Each structure stands twice: as structure tokens, then as C-alpha cells.
Protein backbone atom coordinates (compact mmCIF):
# COMPACT_ATOMS: atom_id res chain seq x y z
CA MET A 1 -31.17 60.00 -43.41
CA HIS A 2 -33.41 57.13 -45.00
CA GLU A 3 -30.31 55.61 -46.47
CA ALA A 4 -28.31 55.58 -42.98
CA LYS A 5 -31.67 54.00 -41.46
CA SER A 6 -31.19 51.28 -43.78
CA ASN A 7 -27.43 50.61 -43.57
CA LEU A 8 -27.00 51.53 -39.96
CA SER A 9 -25.56 48.26 -39.25
CA LYS A 10 -22.99 48.98 -42.07
CA LEU A 11 -22.33 52.37 -41.09
CA VAL A 12 -21.63 50.98 -37.24
CA LYS A 13 -19.09 48.55 -38.66
CA ARG A 14 -17.25 51.09 -40.44
CA ALA A 15 -17.15 53.62 -37.61
CA ALA A 16 -16.30 51.12 -35.49
CA ALA A 17 -13.12 50.54 -37.79
CA GLY A 18 -12.33 54.19 -37.47
CA GLU A 19 -14.10 55.92 -40.32
CA THR A 20 -15.79 59.10 -39.34
CA ILE A 21 -19.53 59.18 -40.95
CA TYR A 22 -21.56 62.02 -41.25
CA ILE A 23 -25.28 61.81 -41.35
CA GLY A 24 -28.03 64.50 -42.17
CA ALA A 25 -30.62 65.58 -44.55
CA TYR A 26 -30.61 67.31 -47.86
CA GLY A 27 -26.53 67.29 -47.87
CA LYS A 28 -26.31 69.07 -44.62
CA PRO A 29 -24.45 66.87 -41.81
CA GLU A 30 -26.64 66.97 -38.62
CA ALA A 31 -24.67 64.01 -36.74
CA MET A 32 -21.53 62.18 -36.87
CA LEU A 33 -21.04 58.51 -36.23
CA THR A 34 -17.43 57.53 -34.98
CA THR A 35 -15.86 54.99 -33.24
CA ALA A 36 -16.48 54.79 -29.13
CA ASN A 37 -13.23 52.94 -28.80
CA THR A 38 -10.98 55.93 -28.04
CA ARG A 39 -8.90 56.63 -24.89
CA LYS A 40 -11.35 59.61 -23.77
CA TYR A 41 -14.35 57.27 -24.14
CA ARG A 42 -12.87 54.70 -22.28
CA ALA A 43 -11.92 57.11 -19.56
CA GLU A 44 -15.23 58.35 -19.52
CA LEU A 45 -16.59 54.99 -18.62
CA ARG A 46 -13.97 54.15 -15.98
CA ALA A 47 -15.00 57.64 -14.12
CA LYS A 48 -18.87 56.53 -14.52
CA ALA A 49 -18.12 53.31 -12.90
CA PHE A 50 -15.85 54.42 -10.02
CA GLY A 51 -18.54 56.82 -9.12
CA CYS A 52 -21.83 54.67 -10.22
CA MET A 53 -23.02 54.33 -6.26
CA ARG A 54 -22.26 57.98 -5.64
CA GLY A 55 -24.99 59.15 -3.33
CA GLU A 56 -26.42 55.64 -2.57
CA MET A 57 -24.80 55.08 0.50
CA GLU A 58 -24.13 56.64 3.89
CA LEU A 59 -21.37 55.46 5.98
CA PRO A 60 -21.67 55.66 9.60
CA GLU A 61 -20.01 58.22 11.81
CA GLY A 62 -16.39 57.02 12.56
CA TRP A 63 -16.32 54.48 10.01
CA ASP A 64 -12.72 55.13 9.19
CA ASP A 65 -11.42 55.52 12.87
CA PRO A 66 -8.47 53.52 13.75
CA LEU A 67 -8.94 50.12 14.77
CA PRO A 68 -8.66 49.26 18.67
CA ASP A 69 -5.44 47.59 19.47
CA ASP A 70 -6.61 44.07 20.49
CA ILE A 71 -8.18 43.81 16.86
CA ILE A 72 -4.83 45.00 15.35
CA GLU A 73 -2.88 42.81 17.39
CA SER A 74 -5.06 39.83 16.55
CA PHE A 75 -3.87 40.49 12.92
CA TYR A 76 -0.41 39.94 13.81
CA SER A 77 -0.97 36.81 16.11
CA MET A 78 -2.45 33.64 16.18
CA LYS A 79 -4.81 34.97 19.10
CA GLY A 80 -8.46 33.64 18.70
CA LEU A 81 -7.44 30.75 16.34
CA GLU A 82 -6.90 28.00 18.87
CA ASP A 83 -10.16 26.38 18.34
CA PHE A 84 -9.32 25.95 14.69
CA GLU A 85 -7.48 22.89 13.41
CA ALA A 86 -5.55 23.14 10.18
CA LYS A 87 -7.09 20.71 7.81
């Protein structure tokens, strides 16, 4: 255990290179140091990123209702842009 503390940065570099390192006391492994650059780990990070705001916001009732026809029409026309000049 003491050896692992003293050489942690070297052990991390070895693990990052793909080696699995077992750490423990009195010849009994208690922990495993391995690379975090795995497909499973990256998938877990992506899942956490996409759910990071879960429970933090509330959307108002009807937020996903269809837009009114006049707003949809304005997307497909120049309506409302008469006052703007192209520069």
C-alpha cells in the first residue's frame, strides 16, 4: 500500500497504457487500477452528461403543443421582415 502511494503517478500512467494493477496489503489485492478509457466508461459519461439536469427544471404545461398557424407560416414566408434591410 505504501509503495502504491509513493508511486501513484507512475502506476496511473501504466494503467492508462492498458495495464491492470492490483493494490493491496500483505499480498492480498484490495483494489484494481485500470484505464478509464474504455467503451463502457465513455458510455457511462455520456449517459451522465445527457441526464445531468434531470429534476432541475420544470417545463410549463403545453410546452410541446403545436405552434399556432401564423407562427408556422412566418417560418416559410418573409412576413414580418419588411422592416429589416439586408446589409
